[in-house]
C-alpha atoms as a PDB file:
ATOM      1  CA  UNK A   1     105.987 110.162 111.222  1.00  0.00           C
ATOM      2  CA  UNK A   2     105.705 110.948 107.567  1.00  0.00           C
ATOM      3  CA  UNK A   3     106.321 114.638 108.319  1.00  0.00           C
ATOM      4  CA  UNK A   4     109.465 113.709 110.566  1.00  0.00           C
ATOM      5  CA  UNK A   5     110.776 111.846 107.503  1.00  0.00           C
ATOM      6  CA  UNK A   6     110.100 114.738 105.031  1.00  0.00           C
ATOM      7  CA  UNK A   7     111.672 117.279 107.409  1.00  0.00           C
ATOM      8  CA  UNK A   8     114.821 115.206 107.763  1.00  0.00           C
ATOM      9  CA  UNK A   9     114.409 114.212 111.514  1.00  0.00           C
ATOM     10  CA  UNK A  10     114.096 110.401 110.587  1.00  0.00           C
ATOM     11  CA  UNK A  11     116.045 108.536 108.086  1.00  0.00           C
ATOM     12  CA  UNK A  12     113.891 107.717 104.894  1.00  0.00           C
ATOM     13  CA  UNK A  13     115.428 104.170 104.600  1.00  0.00           C
ATOM     14  CA  UNK A  14     114.987 102.643 108.121  1.00  0.00           C
ATOM     15  CA  UNK A  15     113.019 105.242 109.841  1.00  0.00           C
ATOM     16  CA  UNK A  16     115.311 105.806 112.704  1.00  0.00           C
ATOM     17  CA  UNK A  17     115.907 109.259 114.344  1.00  0.00           C
ATOM     18  CA  UNK A  18     118.947 110.755 112.902  1.00  0.00           C
ATOM     19  CA  UNK A  19     120.556 113.774 115.309  1.00  0.00           C
ATOM     20  CA  UNK A  20     117.701 115.821 116.320  1.00  0.00           C
ATOM     21  CA  UNK A  21     117.953 118.473 113.357  1.00  0.00           C
ATOM     22  CA  UNK A  22     115.574 119.161 110.714  1.00  0.00           C
ATOM     23  CA  UNK A  23     116.947 120.647 107.474  1.00  0.00           C
ATOM     24  CA  UNK A  24     113.723 120.464 105.783  1.00  0.00           C
ATOM     25  CA  UNK A  25     114.432 117.602 103.194  1.00  0.00           C
ATOM     26  CA  UNK A  26     114.384 113.897 103.320  1.00  0.00           C
ATOM     27  CA  UNK A  27     117.768 112.107 104.279  1.00  0.00           C
ATOM     28  CA  UNK A  28     119.442 108.751 105.173  1.00  0.00           C
ATOM     29  CA  UNK A  29     121.433 107.898 108.269  1.00  0.00           C
ATOM     30  CA  UNK A  30     124.920 106.833 108.487  1.00  0.00           C
ATOM     31  CA  UNK A  31     124.067 103.198 108.279  1.00  0.00           C
ATOM     32  CA  UNK A  32     121.851 103.607 105.234  1.00  0.00           C
ATOM     33  CA  UNK A  33     124.336 105.639 103.229  1.00  0.00           C
ATOM     34  CA  UNK A  34     126.843 102.834 103.335  1.00  0.00           C
END
C-alpha cells in the first residue's frame, strides 16, 4: 500500500485508488484537492 501511495496509484490523503496511472510521485485525488 505504501508503495502504491508513493507511486501515485493511491491518494495520499484518503488512500483511494485514483485512475490507474502511476506518475511516480505521491498525489491527491480530486476530492482531497478541494
